[in-house]
Protein backbone atom coordinates (compact mmCIF):
# COMPACT_ATOMS: atom_id res chain seq x y z
CA MET A 1 30.79 71.81 64.82
CA ARG A 2 28.61 73.47 61.79
CA LEU A 3 31.32 72.37 59.14
CA ALA A 4 31.55 68.70 60.73
CA SER A 5 27.51 68.71 60.54
CA ILE A 6 27.91 70.05 56.77
CA MET A 7 30.95 66.99 56.13
CA ALA A 8 28.70 64.60 57.51
CA THR A 9 25.37 65.42 55.52
CA ARG A 10 27.91 65.44 52.16
CA VAL A 11 28.92 61.89 53.53
CA ARG A 12 25.76 60.54 53.65
CA MET A 13 24.31 62.48 50.39
CA THR A 14 27.07 60.27 48.42
CA ARG A 15 26.58 56.86 50.23
CA ASN A 16 23.36 57.22 49.08
CA ALA A 17 23.97 58.27 45.57
CA ASP A 18 26.34 55.58 45.31
CA LYS A 19 23.71 53.37 47.00
CA ARG A 20 21.19 54.18 43.82
CA LEU A 21 24.03 53.82 41.21
CA ILE A 22 24.91 50.63 42.60
CA ASN A 23 21.11 49.48 42.39
CA SER A 24 20.78 51.08 39.13
CA PHE A 25 23.72 49.04 37.53
CA ALA A 26 22.51 45.77 39.51
CA THR A 27 19.16 46.10 38.27
CA LEU A 28 20.55 46.96 34.26
CA PHE A 29 22.93 43.96 35.03
CA ALA A 30 19.80 41.79 36.27
CA ASN A 31 17.43 42.87 33.24
CA LEU A 32 20.18 42.09 30.29
CA PHE A 33 20.91 38.51 32.14
CA ALA A 34 17.20 37.62 31.73
CA THR A 35 17.31 38.86 28.00
CA LEU A 36 20.59 36.56 27.19
CA PHE A 37 19.15 33.93 29.00
CA ALA A 38 15.51 34.04 27.31
CA THR A 39 17.64 34.04 23.92
CA LEU A 40 19.61 31.03 24.46
CA PHE A 41 16.75 28.88 25.98
CA VAL A 42 14.84 29.86 22.65
CA THR A 43 17.60 29.18 20.90
CA PHE A 44 18.97 25.98 21.93
CA PHE A 45 15.93 24.45 24.23
CA LYS A 46 12.53 24.85 22.18
CA PRO A 47 13.33 22.48 19.19
CA THR A 48 13.67 19.77 21.60
CA PHE A 49 10.43 20.88 23.42
CA ASN A 50 8.85 21.40 20.09
CA ARG A 51 9.64 17.55 19.29
CA TYR A 52 8.11 16.07 22.36
CA ARG A 53 5.31 18.26 22.32
CA MET A 54 1.67 16.85 21.57
CA PRO A 55 0.42 17.80 18.23
CA ASP A 56 -2.98 19.60 17.59
CA PHE A 57 -6.03 18.23 18.15
CA PRO A 58 -7.66 16.98 15.71
CA GLU A 59 -5.91 18.02 12.76
CA ARG A 60 -2.57 17.47 13.38
CA PHE A 61 -2.97 14.22 15.32
CA SER A 62 -4.99 12.49 12.70
CA GLN A 63 -2.79 13.18 10.13
CA GLN A 64 0.53 12.07 11.81
CA MET A 65 -0.50 9.34 13.59
CA PRO A 66 -1.14 5.83 11.24
CA VAL A 67 -4.48 4.03 11.10
CA PRO A 68 -4.23 0.77 12.53
CA PRO A 69 -5.70 -2.28 10.59
CA HIS A 70 -8.97 -3.70 11.70
CA ALA A 71 -9.00 -6.20 14.17
CA ALA A 72 -10.25 -8.86 11.81
CA ASP A 73 -7.74 -8.10 9.11
CA ALA A 74 -4.85 -7.98 11.66
CA GLN A 75 -5.88 -11.95 12.61
CA ALA A 76 -6.32 -13.14 8.79
CA ALA A 77 -3.83 -14.52 6.99
CA ILE A 78 -4.35 -12.55 3.97
CA ALA A 79 -6.92 -9.42 3.97
CA VAL A 80 -7.39 -7.85 0.41
CA ARG A 81 -8.84 -4.43 0.41
CA GLY A 82 -10.07 -2.07 -2.39
CA LEU A 83 -7.59 -4.18 -4.94
CA SER A 84 -8.00 -3.15 -8.55
CA LYS A 85 -5.82 -3.15 -11.36
CA ARG A 86 -6.14 -1.15 -14.35
CA VAL A 87 -3.52 -1.15 -17.42
CA ALA A 88 -3.43 0.69 -20.91
CA ASP A 89 -4.03 -0.60 -24.05
CA ALA A 90 -4.84 0.75 -27.26
CA SER A 91 -8.48 1.82 -26.42
CA GLY A 92 -6.93 4.17 -23.38
CA GLU A 93 -7.23 1.52 -20.35
CA LEU A 94 -8.33 -1.53 -19.30
CA THR A 95 -9.74 -2.80 -16.00
CA ILE A 96 -8.19 -6.23 -14.95
CA LEU A 97 -9.90 -6.48 -11.21
CA HIS A 98 -12.32 -4.50 -9.86
CA ALA A 99 -12.05 -3.11 -6.68
CA LEU A 100 -11.59 -6.57 -4.78
CA ASP A 101 -12.53 -7.03 -1.04
CA PHE A 102 -12.11 -10.60 0.82
CA THR A 103 -9.82 -12.01 3.39
CA VAL A 104 -8.15 -15.65 3.80
CA GLN A 105 -7.87 -17.35 7.52
CA LYS A 106 -4.49 -19.11 8.63
CA ALA A 107 -4.34 -22.30 7.89
CA GLU A 108 -7.34 -21.89 5.29
CA THR A 109 -7.31 -23.39 1.74
CA LEU A 110 -8.66 -21.74 -0.92
CA ALA A 111 -8.98 -22.06 -4.30
CA ILE A 112 -9.55 -18.95 -6.97
CA VAL A 113 -11.25 -20.61 -9.95
CA GLY A 114 -12.10 -18.38 -13.49
CA ALA A 115 -11.80 -18.86 -17.22
CA SER A 116 -8.65 -17.83 -18.71
CA GLY A 117 -8.42 -13.63 -18.78
CA SER A 118 -10.50 -13.57 -15.48
CA GLY A 119 -7.83 -12.16 -13.84
CA LYS A 120 -7.12 -14.79 -11.11
CA SER A 121 -3.02 -15.07 -11.93
CA THR A 122 -3.07 -11.11 -11.50
CA LEU A 123 -4.64 -11.19 -8.28
CA LEU A 124 -2.42 -13.93 -7.25
CA GLY A 125 0.62 -11.82 -8.23
CA LEU A 126 -0.76 -8.67 -6.17
CA LEU A 127 -1.37 -11.04 -3.17
CA ALA A 128 2.48 -11.96 -2.84
CA GLY A 129 3.54 -8.28 -3.67
CA LEU A 130 4.98 -9.79 -7.29
CA ASP A 131 2.60 -6.63 -8.99
CA THR A 132 1.57 -3.29 -7.84
CA PRO A 133 -1.80 -2.60 -7.70
CA SER A 134 -3.86 0.55 -9.33
CA THR A 135 -5.98 1.04 -5.83
CA GLY A 136 -6.36 -0.69 -2.63
CA THR A 137 -3.65 -2.96 -0.43
CA VAL A 138 -3.29 -6.59 0.81
CA LEU A 139 -2.31 -7.12 4.21
CA ILE A 140 -0.40 -10.45 5.25
CA ASP A 141 -0.29 -11.43 9.00
CA GLY A 142 -1.28 -7.68 9.50
CA VAL A 143 1.30 -6.17 7.48
CA ASP A 144 0.06 -3.83 4.81
CA ILE A 145 2.52 -5.08 2.09
CA TYR A 146 2.28 -1.80 -0.34
CA ALA A 147 3.19 0.12 2.50
CA LEU A 148 7.13 -1.59 2.16
CA ASP A 149 9.38 -0.56 -0.72
CA GLU A 150 10.29 -3.62 -3.14
CA ASP A 151 13.16 -4.84 -0.81
CA GLY A 152 10.62 -4.82 2.20
CA ARG A 153 8.29 -7.43 -0.30
CA ALA A 154 11.20 -9.29 -1.36
CA LEU A 155 12.24 -9.92 2.42
CA LEU A 156 8.63 -11.19 3.55
CA ARG A 157 8.68 -13.31 0.46
CA LYS A 158 11.49 -14.99 1.53
CA GLN A 159 10.22 -15.20 5.10
CA ARG A 160 7.01 -16.17 5.00
CA LEU A 161 5.73 -17.57 1.81
CA GLY A 162 6.05 -20.40 -1.10
CA PHE A 163 5.38 -20.59 -4.14
CA VAL A 164 4.53 -23.71 -7.00
CA PHE A 165 4.24 -22.51 -10.39
CA GLN A 166 2.55 -23.82 -13.00
CA SER A 167 6.08 -23.97 -15.49
CA PHE A 168 7.99 -25.41 -12.38
CA GLN A 169 10.85 -22.30 -12.63
CA LEU A 170 13.45 -24.85 -11.79
CA LEU A 171 16.68 -23.51 -12.40
CA GLY A 172 18.65 -25.42 -15.31
CA HIS A 173 21.80 -25.31 -14.23
CA LEU A 174 21.26 -26.62 -10.40
CA THR A 175 20.53 -30.16 -9.77
CA ALA A 176 17.08 -31.31 -7.78
CA VAL A 177 18.55 -31.01 -4.49
CA GLU A 178 20.44 -28.00 -4.80
CA ASN A 179 17.31 -26.24 -6.49
CA VAL A 180 15.77 -27.51 -3.04
CA MET A 181 18.56 -26.06 -0.94
CA LEU A 182 18.29 -22.99 -2.65
CA PRO A 183 15.22 -21.23 -0.34
CA LEU A 184 16.80 -22.57 2.62
CA GLU A 185 20.71 -20.72 1.87
CA LEU A 186 19.04 -17.68 0.68
CA ARG A 187 17.57 -17.49 4.25
CA GLY A 188 20.78 -18.37 6.03
CA GLU A 189 19.42 -21.34 7.23
CA PRO A 190 21.71 -24.59 8.41
CA GLN A 191 21.96 -27.51 7.15
CA ALA A 192 20.62 -27.12 3.53
CA ARG A 193 21.40 -30.02 2.33
CA ALA A 194 20.10 -32.53 4.69
CA ARG A 195 16.90 -30.51 4.60
CA ALA A 196 16.59 -30.56 0.94
CA GLU A 197 17.29 -34.39 0.85
CA ALA A 198 14.94 -35.12 3.45
CA MET A 199 11.83 -33.48 1.74
CA LEU A 200 13.30 -34.76 -1.75
CA ASP A 201 12.66 -38.08 -0.33
CA ARG A 202 9.02 -37.32 1.19
CA VAL A 203 8.05 -36.43 -2.62
CA GLY A 204 9.60 -39.85 -3.75
CA LEU A 205 12.82 -38.24 -5.62
CA SER A 206 15.49 -39.48 -3.49
CA SER A 207 16.84 -41.37 -5.95
CA ARG A 208 16.90 -38.07 -8.41
CA LEU A 209 18.99 -36.04 -6.26
CA ARG A 210 21.84 -35.02 -8.75
CA HIS A 211 19.62 -34.97 -11.79
CA TYR A 212 18.84 -31.65 -13.53
CA PRO A 213 15.50 -30.33 -14.48
CA LYS A 214 16.07 -31.50 -18.07
CA TYR A 215 16.64 -34.88 -17.10
CA LEU A 216 13.19 -35.28 -15.07
CA SER A 217 9.90 -35.84 -16.30
CA GLY A 218 7.40 -33.23 -15.91
CA GLY A 219 5.71 -34.70 -13.03
CA GLU A 220 8.78 -35.11 -11.18
CA GLN A 221 9.99 -31.53 -12.09
CA GLN A 222 6.40 -30.37 -10.32
CA ARG A 223 7.53 -32.80 -7.18
CA VAL A 224 10.75 -31.14 -7.31
CA ALA A 225 9.00 -27.65 -6.98
CA LEU A 226 6.74 -28.66 -4.33
CA ALA A 227 9.55 -29.91 -1.96
CA ARG A 228 11.00 -26.52 -3.11
CA ALA A 229 7.85 -24.87 -1.95
CA PHE A 230 7.77 -26.55 1.32
CA VAL A 231 10.94 -27.06 2.73
CA THR A 232 11.40 -23.57 4.77
CA GLU A 233 7.74 -24.70 6.08
CA PRO A 234 6.29 -21.13 5.09
CA PRO A 235 3.05 -19.98 6.35
CA LEU A 236 1.29 -18.93 3.44
CA LEU A 237 1.74 -21.04 -0.16
CA PHE A 238 0.89 -19.97 -3.35
CA ALA A 239 0.22 -22.09 -6.01
CA ASP A 240 -0.50 -21.02 -9.84
CA GLU A 241 -2.34 -24.02 -11.79
CA PRO A 242 0.01 -26.32 -10.45
CA THR A 243 -0.89 -29.23 -12.82
CA GLY A 244 -1.22 -27.02 -16.64
CA SER A 245 1.61 -28.55 -17.83
CA LEU A 246 1.05 -32.37 -16.53
CA ASP A 247 -1.40 -35.10 -18.10
CA ALA A 248 -4.35 -35.76 -16.09
CA ALA A 249 -2.71 -38.70 -14.01
CA THR A 250 0.32 -37.24 -12.83
CA GLY A 251 -1.50 -34.03 -12.38
CA ALA A 252 -3.80 -35.99 -9.82
CA ALA A 253 -0.99 -37.34 -8.04
CA VAL A 254 0.70 -33.96 -7.62
CA ILE A 255 -2.12 -32.46 -6.14
CA GLU A 256 -2.61 -35.52 -3.35
CA LEU A 257 0.82 -34.90 -2.51
CA LEU A 258 0.46 -31.11 -2.53
CA PHE A 259 -2.75 -31.22 -0.33
CA GLU A 260 -1.06 -34.14 2.20
CA LEU A 261 2.16 -31.53 2.18
CA ASN A 262 0.12 -28.99 3.43
CA ARG A 263 -1.83 -30.81 6.13
CA GLN A 264 1.07 -31.80 7.65
CA HIS A 265 2.52 -28.36 7.50
CA GLY A 266 -0.67 -26.72 8.53
CA SER A 267 0.04 -23.73 6.00
CA THR A 268 -2.55 -21.14 4.73
CA LEU A 269 -2.84 -22.13 1.16
CA VAL A 270 -4.45 -20.14 -2.33
CA LEU A 271 -4.66 -22.19 -4.89
CA VAL A 272 -5.47 -20.40 -8.79
CA THR A 273 -7.33 -23.37 -10.79
CA HIS A 274 -9.47 -23.38 -13.77
CA ASP A 275 -10.28 -27.32 -12.82
CA GLN A 276 -13.37 -27.63 -10.62
CA LYS A 277 -12.43 -30.77 -9.68
CA MET A 278 -8.89 -29.33 -7.82
CA ALA A 279 -10.91 -26.58 -6.55
CA ALA A 280 -13.10 -28.76 -4.50
CA ARG A 281 -10.43 -30.06 -2.84
CA CYS A 282 -10.09 -26.72 -0.94
CA GLY A 283 -12.09 -25.51 2.05
CA ARG A 284 -13.46 -22.59 -0.07
CA THR A 285 -13.74 -20.98 -3.30
CA LEU A 286 -13.92 -17.50 -5.17
CA THR A 287 -14.75 -17.11 -8.53
CA ILE A 288 -13.84 -14.47 -10.73
CA ALA A 289 -15.41 -13.54 -13.74
CA ALA A 290 -14.25 -10.50 -15.51
CA GLY A 291 -12.37 -9.19 -12.77
CA ARG A 292 -14.85 -8.97 -10.31
CA LEU A 293 -16.00 -11.75 -7.77
CA VAL A 294 -19.04 -13.00 -8.53
């Protein structure tokens, strides 16, 4: 009996020891698993959470979130804010434009006037994104054009802008109708020839479709340039001294045609000129003197 009791006690002690050993191993493996899981979580999942974590407020939040344009600027056809242009010269630096601010509303006609060298043509180039400012920016239909790269600005010009130049800027190796077709073809629009012929007919050149620029008079060339500018029906049109190369009678006819086409299309027109009579045809006039609005 005594031996049996001793053996039973030893068996119970062995079983208890085995249980303690098993519990110890279970605890050890649980700790190891928890450590391994935590390591894998940090390694593989933390970067994902970091992408969606709200940034610290206010410093990092204010740095990462873009500042939207003022509501009035977003609604305007053109908003100019703090626009300046400086260039290097023999004396060190020449300021052509001094921190200009103004807006142009949709369908408005605006004349920019000033003496030669006042900076009005430089301003027009900046409004169209053809040059880059020293400070400030230009918004066209709410788009900050100087937040775009050069390709982006070129695309914006192709889609939204029309141009009329003092020197016509027709391509000499193309006929009149081909010059007018060109912006349509660059945009990939259908029926380019038919639309170009119809526009040339509207400016009175249906009999000169296949003439090259060198066989056209100055007035005819400018009418081709007007047809080219309006054929894409751009919401915004820039005209730089459009009658500067024409005699008075021809210039008056071209201006009459310019305003007639603008009324029909409802475009926003920005016109650079030194001609006060032409400026008076516009709804508003801005005067530039020595690079400043006066």
